[in-house]
mmCIF file of all heavy atoms, coordinates in Angstrom:
data_MODEL
# 
_entry.id   MODEL 
# 
loop_
_atom_site.group_PDB 
_atom_site.id 
_atom_site.type_symbol 
_atom_site.label_atom_id 
_atom_site.label_alt_id 
_atom_site.label_comp_id 
_atom_site.label_asym_id 
_atom_site.label_entity_id 
_atom_site.label_seq_id 
_atom_site.pdbx_PDB_ins_code 
_atom_site.Cartn_x 
_atom_site.Cartn_y 
_atom_site.Cartn_z 
_atom_site.occupancy 
_atom_site.B_iso_or_equiv 
_atom_site.pdbx_formal_charge 
_atom_site.auth_seq_id 
_atom_site.auth_comp_id 
_atom_site.auth_asym_id 
_atom_site.auth_atom_id 
_atom_site.pdbx_PDB_model_num 
ATOM 1   N N   . ARG A 1 1  ? 86.949  91.310  -4.130  1.00 0.00 ? 1  ARG A N   1 
ATOM 2   C CA  . ARG A 1 1  ? 87.881  91.038  -5.230  1.00 0.00 ? 1  ARG A CA  1 
ATOM 3   C C   . ARG A 1 1  ? 88.442  92.307  -5.803  1.00 0.00 ? 1  ARG A C   1 
ATOM 4   O O   . ARG A 1 1  ? 89.631  92.516  -5.999  1.00 0.00 ? 1  ARG A O   1 
ATOM 5   C CB  . ARG A 1 1  ? 87.268  90.184  -6.334  1.00 0.00 ? 1  ARG A CB  1 
ATOM 6   C CG  . ARG A 1 1  ? 88.203  89.754  -7.385  1.00 0.00 ? 1  ARG A CG  1 
ATOM 7   C CD  . ARG A 1 1  ? 87.638  88.683  -8.312  1.00 0.00 ? 1  ARG A CD  1 
ATOM 8   N NE  . ARG A 1 1  ? 88.405  88.721  -9.521  1.00 0.00 ? 1  ARG A NE  1 
ATOM 9   C CZ  . ARG A 1 1  ? 88.047  89.257  -10.694 1.00 0.00 ? 1  ARG A CZ  1 
ATOM 10  N NH1 . ARG A 1 1  ? 86.842  89.763  -10.852 1.00 0.00 ? 1  ARG A NH1 1 
ATOM 11  N NH2 . ARG A 1 1  ? 88.852  89.232  -11.725 1.00 0.00 ? 1  ARG A NH2 1 
ATOM 12  N N   . TRP A 1 2  ? 87.510  93.309  -6.078  1.00 0.00 ? 2  TRP A N   1 
ATOM 13  C CA  . TRP A 1 2  ? 87.933  94.584  -6.630  1.00 0.00 ? 2  TRP A CA  1 
ATOM 14  C C   . TRP A 1 2  ? 88.876  95.322  -5.597  1.00 0.00 ? 2  TRP A C   1 
ATOM 15  O O   . TRP A 1 2  ? 89.901  95.878  -5.987  1.00 0.00 ? 2  TRP A O   1 
ATOM 16  C CB  . TRP A 1 2  ? 86.688  95.392  -6.928  1.00 0.00 ? 2  TRP A CB  1 
ATOM 17  C CG  . TRP A 1 2  ? 86.938  96.783  -7.386  1.00 0.00 ? 2  TRP A CG  1 
ATOM 18  C CD1 . TRP A 1 2  ? 87.484  97.216  -8.582  1.00 0.00 ? 2  TRP A CD1 1 
ATOM 19  C CD2 . TRP A 1 2  ? 86.736  97.998  -6.595  1.00 0.00 ? 2  TRP A CD2 1 
ATOM 20  N NE1 . TRP A 1 2  ? 87.576  98.594  -8.597  1.00 0.00 ? 2  TRP A NE1 1 
ATOM 21  C CE2 . TRP A 1 2  ? 87.145  99.063  -7.403  1.00 0.00 ? 2  TRP A CE2 1 
ATOM 22  C CE3 . TRP A 1 2  ? 86.280  98.237  -5.310  1.00 0.00 ? 2  TRP A CE3 1 
ATOM 23  C CZ2 . TRP A 1 2  ? 87.051  100.347 -6.948  1.00 0.00 ? 2  TRP A CZ2 1 
ATOM 24  C CZ3 . TRP A 1 2  ? 86.151  99.520  -4.902  1.00 0.00 ? 2  TRP A CZ3 1 
ATOM 25  C CH2 . TRP A 1 2  ? 86.534  100.569 -5.706  1.00 0.00 ? 2  TRP A CH2 1 
ATOM 26  N N   . GLN A 1 3  ? 88.501  95.308  -4.350  1.00 0.00 ? 3  GLN A N   1 
ATOM 27  C CA  . GLN A 1 3  ? 89.333  96.005  -3.315  1.00 0.00 ? 3  GLN A CA  1 
ATOM 28  C C   . GLN A 1 3  ? 90.714  95.384  -3.213  1.00 0.00 ? 3  GLN A C   1 
ATOM 29  O O   . GLN A 1 3  ? 91.634  96.099  -3.009  1.00 0.00 ? 3  GLN A O   1 
ATOM 30  C CB  . GLN A 1 3  ? 88.575  95.984  -1.947  1.00 0.00 ? 3  GLN A CB  1 
ATOM 31  C CG  . GLN A 1 3  ? 87.409  96.886  -1.902  1.00 0.00 ? 3  GLN A CG  1 
ATOM 32  C CD  . GLN A 1 3  ? 86.651  96.789  -0.609  1.00 0.00 ? 3  GLN A CD  1 
ATOM 33  O OE1 . GLN A 1 3  ? 86.693  95.777  0.115   1.00 0.00 ? 3  GLN A OE1 1 
ATOM 34  N NE2 . GLN A 1 3  ? 85.903  97.827  -0.242  1.00 0.00 ? 3  GLN A NE2 1 
ATOM 35  N N   . ARG A 1 4  ? 90.786  94.062  -3.317  1.00 0.00 ? 4  ARG A N   1 
ATOM 36  C CA  . ARG A 1 4  ? 92.129  93.413  -3.283  1.00 0.00 ? 4  ARG A CA  1 
ATOM 37  C C   . ARG A 1 4  ? 92.982  93.932  -4.454  1.00 0.00 ? 4  ARG A C   1 
ATOM 38  O O   . ARG A 1 4  ? 94.162  94.198  -4.315  1.00 0.00 ? 4  ARG A O   1 
ATOM 39  C CB  . ARG A 1 4  ? 92.043  91.906  -3.360  1.00 0.00 ? 4  ARG A CB  1 
ATOM 40  C CG  . ARG A 1 4  ? 91.613  91.304  -1.992  1.00 0.00 ? 4  ARG A CG  1 
ATOM 41  C CD  . ARG A 1 4  ? 91.804  89.796  -2.017  1.00 0.00 ? 4  ARG A CD  1 
ATOM 42  N NE  . ARG A 1 4  ? 90.928  89.084  -2.984  1.00 0.00 ? 4  ARG A NE  1 
ATOM 43  C CZ  . ARG A 1 4  ? 89.705  88.684  -2.739  1.00 0.00 ? 4  ARG A CZ  1 
ATOM 44  N NH1 . ARG A 1 4  ? 89.159  88.885  -1.572  1.00 0.00 ? 4  ARG A NH1 1 
ATOM 45  N NH2 . ARG A 1 4  ? 89.059  88.074  -3.687  1.00 0.00 ? 4  ARG A NH2 1 
ATOM 46  N N   . GLY A 1 5  ? 92.343  94.045  -5.613  1.00 0.00 ? 5  GLY A N   1 
ATOM 47  C CA  . GLY A 1 5  ? 93.075  94.588  -6.778  1.00 0.00 ? 5  GLY A CA  1 
ATOM 48  C C   . GLY A 1 5  ? 93.518  96.019  -6.600  1.00 0.00 ? 5  GLY A C   1 
ATOM 49  O O   . GLY A 1 5  ? 94.725  96.377  -6.892  1.00 0.00 ? 5  GLY A O   1 
ATOM 50  N N   . ILE A 1 6  ? 92.664  96.853  -6.029  1.00 0.00 ? 6  ILE A N   1 
ATOM 51  C CA  . ILE A 1 6  ? 93.002  98.285  -5.800  1.00 0.00 ? 6  ILE A CA  1 
ATOM 52  C C   . ILE A 1 6  ? 94.135  98.337  -4.763  1.00 0.00 ? 6  ILE A C   1 
ATOM 53  O O   . ILE A 1 6  ? 95.100  99.080  -4.946  1.00 0.00 ? 6  ILE A O   1 
ATOM 54  C CB  . ILE A 1 6  ? 91.751  99.043  -5.271  1.00 0.00 ? 6  ILE A CB  1 
ATOM 55  C CG1 . ILE A 1 6  ? 90.652  99.112  -6.316  1.00 0.00 ? 6  ILE A CG1 1 
ATOM 56  C CG2 . ILE A 1 6  ? 92.168  100.425 -4.732  1.00 0.00 ? 6  ILE A CG2 1 
ATOM 57  C CD1 . ILE A 1 6  ? 90.982  99.941  -7.524  1.00 0.00 ? 6  ILE A CD1 1 
ATOM 58  N N   . ALA A 1 7  ? 94.064  97.564  -3.680  1.00 0.00 ? 7  ALA A N   1 
ATOM 59  C CA  . ALA A 1 7  ? 95.123  97.581  -2.672  1.00 0.00 ? 7  ALA A CA  1 
ATOM 60  C C   . ALA A 1 7  ? 96.436  97.145  -3.282  1.00 0.00 ? 7  ALA A C   1 
ATOM 61  O O   . ALA A 1 7  ? 97.469  97.802  -2.997  1.00 0.00 ? 7  ALA A O   1 
ATOM 62  C CB  . ALA A 1 7  ? 94.750  96.610  -1.517  1.00 0.00 ? 7  ALA A CB  1 
ATOM 63  N N   . ALA A 1 8  ? 96.480  96.158  -4.092  1.00 0.00 ? 8  ALA A N   1 
ATOM 64  C CA  . ALA A 1 8  ? 97.720  95.737  -4.737  1.00 0.00 ? 8  ALA A CA  1 
ATOM 65  C C   . ALA A 1 8  ? 98.223  96.798  -5.733  1.00 0.00 ? 8  ALA A C   1 
ATOM 66  O O   . ALA A 1 8  ? 99.429  97.026  -5.799  1.00 0.00 ? 8  ALA A O   1 
ATOM 67  C CB  . ALA A 1 8  ? 97.465  94.385  -5.514  1.00 0.00 ? 8  ALA A CB  1 
ATOM 68  N N   . GLY A 1 9  ? 97.299  97.458  -6.420  1.00 0.00 ? 9  GLY A N   1 
ATOM 69  C CA  . GLY A 1 9  ? 97.764  98.499  -7.351  1.00 0.00 ? 9  GLY A CA  1 
ATOM 70  C C   . GLY A 1 9  ? 98.310  99.722  -6.645  1.00 0.00 ? 9  GLY A C   1 
ATOM 71  O O   . GLY A 1 9  ? 99.163  100.413 -7.194  1.00 0.00 ? 9  GLY A O   1 
ATOM 72  N N   . LEU A 1 10 ? 97.821  100.034 -5.482  1.00 0.00 ? 10 LEU A N   1 
ATOM 73  C CA  . LEU A 1 10 ? 98.257  101.205 -4.684  1.00 0.00 ? 10 LEU A CA  1 
ATOM 74  C C   . LEU A 1 10 ? 99.443  100.902 -3.802  1.00 0.00 ? 10 LEU A C   1 
ATOM 75  O O   . LEU A 1 10 ? 100.133 101.859 -3.384  1.00 0.00 ? 10 LEU A O   1 
ATOM 76  C CB  . LEU A 1 10 ? 97.081  101.794 -3.949  1.00 0.00 ? 10 LEU A CB  1 
ATOM 77  C CG  . LEU A 1 10 ? 95.990  102.409 -4.733  1.00 0.00 ? 10 LEU A CG  1 
ATOM 78  C CD1 . LEU A 1 10 ? 94.778  102.757 -3.815  1.00 0.00 ? 10 LEU A CD1 1 
ATOM 79  C CD2 . LEU A 1 10 ? 96.474  103.631 -5.447  1.00 0.00 ? 10 LEU A CD2 1 
ATOM 80  N N   . ALA A 1 11 ? 99.698  99.674  -3.475  1.00 0.00 ? 11 ALA A N   1 
ATOM 81  C CA  . ALA A 1 11 ? 100.763 99.311  -2.523  1.00 0.00 ? 11 ALA A CA  1 
ATOM 82  C C   . ALA A 1 11 ? 102.135 99.904  -2.911  1.00 0.00 ? 11 ALA A C   1 
ATOM 83  O O   . ALA A 1 11 ? 102.804 100.470 -2.070  1.00 0.00 ? 11 ALA A O   1 
ATOM 84  C CB  . ALA A 1 11 ? 100.859 97.826  -2.351  1.00 0.00 ? 11 ALA A CB  1 
ATOM 85  N N   . PRO A 1 12 ? 102.548 99.833  -4.181  1.00 0.00 ? 12 PRO A N   1 
ATOM 86  C CA  . PRO A 1 12 ? 103.829 100.383 -4.558  1.00 0.00 ? 12 PRO A CA  1 
ATOM 87  C C   . PRO A 1 12 ? 103.887 101.926 -4.328  1.00 0.00 ? 12 PRO A C   1 
ATOM 88  O O   . PRO A 1 12 ? 104.993 102.491 -4.246  1.00 0.00 ? 12 PRO A O   1 
ATOM 89  C CB  . PRO A 1 12 ? 103.983 100.040 -6.023  1.00 0.00 ? 12 PRO A CB  1 
ATOM 90  C CG  . PRO A 1 12 ? 103.013 98.954  -6.315  1.00 0.00 ? 12 PRO A CG  1 
ATOM 91  C CD  . PRO A 1 12 ? 101.926 99.138  -5.329  1.00 0.00 ? 12 PRO A CD  1 
ATOM 92  N N   . LEU A 1 13 ? 102.743 102.542 -4.263  1.00 0.00 ? 13 LEU A N   1 
ATOM 93  C CA  . LEU A 1 13 ? 102.711 103.994 -4.062  1.00 0.00 ? 13 LEU A CA  1 
ATOM 94  C C   . LEU A 1 13 ? 102.561 104.387 -2.649  1.00 0.00 ? 13 LEU A C   1 
ATOM 95  O O   . LEU A 1 13 ? 102.429 105.573 -2.268  1.00 0.00 ? 13 LEU A O   1 
ATOM 96  C CB  . LEU A 1 13 ? 101.580 104.607 -4.911  1.00 0.00 ? 13 LEU A CB  1 
ATOM 97  C CG  . LEU A 1 13 ? 101.638 104.314 -6.424  1.00 0.00 ? 13 LEU A CG  1 
ATOM 98  C CD1 . LEU A 1 13 ? 100.362 104.853 -7.104  1.00 0.00 ? 13 LEU A CD1 1 
ATOM 99  C CD2 . LEU A 1 13 ? 102.893 104.877 -7.018  1.00 0.00 ? 13 LEU A CD2 1 
ATOM 100 N N   . ASP A 1 14 ? 102.525 103.401 -1.743  1.00 0.00 ? 14 ASP A N   1 
ATOM 101 C CA  . ASP A 1 14 ? 102.375 103.601 -0.277  1.00 0.00 ? 14 ASP A CA  1 
ATOM 102 C C   . ASP A 1 14 ? 101.084 104.350 0.069   1.00 0.00 ? 14 ASP A C   1 
ATOM 103 O O   . ASP A 1 14 ? 101.096 105.247 0.882   1.00 0.00 ? 14 ASP A O   1 
ATOM 104 C CB  . ASP A 1 14 ? 103.603 104.282 0.271   1.00 0.00 ? 14 ASP A CB  1 
ATOM 105 C CG  . ASP A 1 14 ? 103.655 104.307 1.820   1.00 0.00 ? 14 ASP A CG  1 
ATOM 106 O OD1 . ASP A 1 14 ? 103.104 103.294 2.408   1.00 0.00 ? 14 ASP A OD1 1 
ATOM 107 O OD2 . ASP A 1 14 ? 104.147 105.255 2.365   1.00 0.00 ? 14 ASP A OD2 1 
ATOM 108 N N   . LEU A 1 15 ? 100.015 103.943 -0.632  1.00 0.00 ? 15 LEU A N   1 
ATOM 109 C CA  . LEU A 1 15 ? 98.681  104.527 -0.325  1.00 0.00 ? 15 LEU A CA  1 
ATOM 110 C C   . LEU A 1 15 ? 97.694  103.448 0.007   1.00 0.00 ? 15 LEU A C   1 
ATOM 111 O O   . LEU A 1 15 ? 97.667  102.429 -0.716  1.00 0.00 ? 15 LEU A O   1 
ATOM 112 C CB  . LEU A 1 15 ? 98.164  105.353 -1.500  1.00 0.00 ? 15 LEU A CB  1 
ATOM 113 C CG  . LEU A 1 15 ? 98.885  106.640 -1.878  1.00 0.00 ? 15 LEU A CG  1 
ATOM 114 C CD1 . LEU A 1 15 ? 98.313  107.211 -3.189  1.00 0.00 ? 15 LEU A CD1 1 
ATOM 115 C CD2 . LEU A 1 15 ? 98.708  107.673 -0.754  1.00 0.00 ? 15 LEU A CD2 1 
ATOM 116 N N   . THR A 1 16 ? 96.840  103.695 0.952   1.00 0.00 ? 16 THR A N   1 
ATOM 117 C CA  . THR A 1 16 ? 95.665  102.817 1.150   1.00 0.00 ? 16 THR A CA  1 
ATOM 118 C C   . THR A 1 16 ? 94.584  103.307 0.204   1.00 0.00 ? 16 THR A C   1 
ATOM 119 O O   . THR A 1 16 ? 94.682  104.403 -0.417  1.00 0.00 ? 16 THR A O   1 
ATOM 120 C CB  . THR A 1 16 ? 95.159  102.866 2.591   1.00 0.00 ? 16 THR A CB  1 
ATOM 121 O OG1 . THR A 1 16 ? 94.576  104.154 2.779   1.00 0.00 ? 16 THR A OG1 1 
ATOM 122 C CG2 . THR A 1 16 ? 96.204  102.560 3.606   1.00 0.00 ? 16 THR A CG2 1 
ATOM 123 N N   . HIS A 1 17 ? 93.511  102.508 0.058   1.00 0.00 ? 17 HIS A N   1 
ATOM 124 C CA  . HIS A 1 17 ? 92.437  102.890 -0.835  1.00 0.00 ? 17 HIS A CA  1 
ATOM 125 C C   . HIS A 1 17 ? 91.780  104.216 -0.401  1.00 0.00 ? 17 HIS A C   1 
ATOM 126 O O   . HIS A 1 17 ? 91.533  105.121 -1.176  1.00 0.00 ? 17 HIS A O   1 
ATOM 127 C CB  . HIS A 1 17 ? 91.434  101.753 -0.894  1.00 0.00 ? 17 HIS A CB  1 
ATOM 128 C CG  . HIS A 1 17 ? 90.450  101.889 -2.027  1.00 0.00 ? 17 HIS A CG  1 
ATOM 129 N ND1 . HIS A 1 17 ? 89.523  100.915 -2.366  1.00 0.00 ? 17 HIS A ND1 1 
ATOM 130 C CD2 . HIS A 1 17 ? 90.258  102.897 -2.895  1.00 0.00 ? 17 HIS A CD2 1 
ATOM 131 C CE1 . HIS A 1 17 ? 88.837  101.323 -3.389  1.00 0.00 ? 17 HIS A CE1 1 
ATOM 132 N NE2 . HIS A 1 17 ? 89.211  102.493 -3.750  1.00 0.00 ? 17 HIS A NE2 1 
ATOM 133 N N   . VAL A 1 18 ? 91.545  104.366 0.891   1.00 0.00 ? 18 VAL A N   1 
ATOM 134 C CA  . VAL A 1 18 ? 90.923  105.563 1.390   1.00 0.00 ? 18 VAL A CA  1 
ATOM 135 C C   . VAL A 1 18 ? 91.873  106.751 1.286   1.00 0.00 ? 18 VAL A C   1 
ATOM 136 O O   . VAL A 1 18 ? 91.420  107.866 0.839   1.00 0.00 ? 18 VAL A O   1 
ATOM 137 C CB  . VAL A 1 18 ? 90.479  105.410 2.920   1.00 0.00 ? 18 VAL A CB  1 
ATOM 138 C CG1 . VAL A 1 18 ? 89.953  106.712 3.411   1.00 0.00 ? 18 VAL A CG1 1 
ATOM 139 C CG2 . VAL A 1 18 ? 89.442  104.301 3.071   1.00 0.00 ? 18 VAL A CG2 1 
ATOM 140 N N   . GLN A 1 19 ? 93.162  106.588 1.521   1.00 0.00 ? 19 GLN A N   1 
ATOM 141 C CA  . GLN A 1 19 ? 94.104  107.633 1.274   1.00 0.00 ? 19 GLN A CA  1 
ATOM 142 C C   . GLN A 1 19 ? 94.065  108.064 -0.211  1.00 0.00 ? 19 GLN A C   1 
ATOM 143 O O   . GLN A 1 19 ? 94.085  109.297 -0.541  1.00 0.00 ? 19 GLN A O   1 
ATOM 144 C CB  . GLN A 1 19 ? 95.536  107.214 1.645   1.00 0.00 ? 19 GLN A CB  1 
ATOM 145 C CG  . GLN A 1 19 ? 95.767  107.110 3.141   1.00 0.00 ? 19 GLN A CG  1 
ATOM 146 C CD  . GLN A 1 19 ? 97.111  106.518 3.473   1.00 0.00 ? 19 GLN A CD  1 
ATOM 147 O OE1 . GLN A 1 19 ? 97.767  105.840 2.671   1.00 0.00 ? 19 GLN A OE1 1 
ATOM 148 N NE2 . GLN A 1 19 ? 97.528  106.761 4.673   1.00 0.00 ? 19 GLN A NE2 1 
ATOM 149 N N   . PHE A 1 20 ? 94.004  107.102 -1.094  1.00 0.00 ? 20 PHE A N   1 
ATOM 150 C CA  . PHE A 1 20 ? 93.931  107.387 -2.526  1.00 0.00 ? 20 PHE A CA  1 
ATOM 151 C C   . PHE A 1 20 ? 92.698  108.228 -2.843  1.00 0.00 ? 20 PHE A C   1 
ATOM 152 O O   . PHE A 1 20 ? 92.763  109.241 -3.530  1.00 0.00 ? 20 PHE A O   1 
ATOM 153 C CB  . PHE A 1 20 ? 93.908  106.142 -3.381  1.00 0.00 ? 20 PHE A CB  1 
ATOM 154 C CG  . PHE A 1 20 ? 93.386  106.377 -4.712  1.00 0.00 ? 20 PHE A CG  1 
ATOM 155 C CD1 . PHE A 1 20 ? 94.120  107.032 -5.683  1.00 0.00 ? 20 PHE A CD1 1 
ATOM 156 C CD2 . PHE A 1 20 ? 92.078  105.969 -5.045  1.00 0.00 ? 20 PHE A CD2 1 
ATOM 157 C CE1 . PHE A 1 20 ? 93.564  107.305 -6.929  1.00 0.00 ? 20 PHE A CE1 1 
ATOM 158 C CE2 . PHE A 1 20 ? 91.526  106.237 -6.297  1.00 0.00 ? 20 PHE A CE2 1 
ATOM 159 C CZ  . PHE A 1 20 ? 92.297  106.887 -7.253  1.00 0.00 ? 20 PHE A CZ  1 
ATOM 160 N N   . VAL A 1 21 ? 91.535  107.791 -2.367  1.00 0.00 ? 21 VAL A N   1 
ATOM 161 C CA  . VAL A 1 21 ? 90.284  108.509 -2.698  1.00 0.00 ? 21 VAL A CA  1 
ATOM 162 C C   . VAL A 1 21 ? 90.347  109.958 -2.187  1.00 0.00 ? 21 VAL A C   1 
ATOM 163 O O   . VAL A 1 21 ? 90.009  110.843 -2.936  1.00 0.00 ? 21 VAL A O   1 
ATOM 164 C CB  . VAL A 1 21 ? 89.074  107.801 -2.051  1.00 0.00 ? 21 VAL A CB  1 
ATOM 165 C CG1 . VAL A 1 21 ? 87.789  108.649 -2.094  1.00 0.00 ? 21 VAL A CG1 1 
ATOM 166 C CG2 . VAL A 1 21 ? 88.847  106.412 -2.706  1.00 0.00 ? 21 VAL A CG2 1 
ATOM 167 N N   . LEU A 1 22 ? 90.867  110.177 -0.996  1.00 0.00 ? 22 LEU A N   1 
ATOM 168 C CA  . LEU A 1 22 ? 90.908  111.566 -0.486  1.00 0.00 ? 22 LEU A CA  1 
ATOM 169 C C   . LEU A 1 22 ? 91.972  112.353 -1.145  1.00 0.00 ? 22 LEU A C   1 
ATOM 170 O O   . LEU A 1 22 ? 91.793  113.589 -1.386  1.00 0.00 ? 22 LEU A O   1 
ATOM 171 C CB  . LEU A 1 22 ? 91.070  111.516 1.052   1.00 0.00 ? 22 LEU A CB  1 
ATOM 172 C CG  . LEU A 1 22 ? 89.854  110.895 1.762   1.00 0.00 ? 22 LEU A CG  1 
ATOM 173 C CD1 . LEU A 1 22 ? 90.098  110.781 3.258   1.00 0.00 ? 22 LEU A CD1 1 
ATOM 174 C CD2 . LEU A 1 22 ? 88.542  111.633 1.464   1.00 0.00 ? 22 LEU A CD2 1 
ATOM 175 N N   . LEU A 1 23 ? 93.163  111.767 -1.405  1.00 0.00 ? 23 LEU A N   1 
ATOM 176 C CA  . LEU A 1 23 ? 94.200  112.535 -2.198  1.00 0.00 ? 23 LEU A CA  1 
ATOM 177 C C   . LEU A 1 23 ? 93.683  112.854 -3.573  1.00 0.00 ? 23 LEU A C   1 
ATOM 178 O O   . LEU A 1 23 ? 93.754  113.995 -3.998  1.00 0.00 ? 23 LEU A O   1 
ATOM 179 C CB  . LEU A 1 23 ? 95.485  111.630 -2.255  1.00 0.00 ? 23 LEU A CB  1 
ATOM 180 C CG  . LEU A 1 23 ? 96.588  112.272 -3.122  1.00 0.00 ? 23 LEU A CG  1 
ATOM 181 C CD1 . LEU A 1 23 ? 97.084  113.571 -2.497  1.00 0.00 ? 23 LEU A CD1 1 
ATOM 182 C CD2 . LEU A 1 23 ? 97.718  111.237 -3.311  1.00 0.00 ? 23 LEU A CD2 1 
ATOM 183 N N   . ALA A 1 24 ? 93.098  111.861 -4.309  1.00 0.00 ? 24 ALA A N   1 
ATOM 184 C CA  . ALA A 1 24 ? 92.648  112.112 -5.652  1.00 0.00 ? 24 ALA A CA  1 
ATOM 185 C C   . ALA A 1 24 ? 91.518  113.133 -5.675  1.00 0.00 ? 24 ALA A C   1 
ATOM 186 O O   . ALA A 1 24 ? 91.479  113.994 -6.555  1.00 0.00 ? 24 ALA A O   1 
ATOM 187 C CB  . ALA A 1 24 ? 92.227  110.811 -6.309  1.00 0.00 ? 24 ALA A CB  1 
# 
């Protein structure tokens, strides 16, 4: 459930969750 929320939050920024973690 949490991962679905993260994916939805990052979608407009064109980032996957793993891309986000490594970029951040």
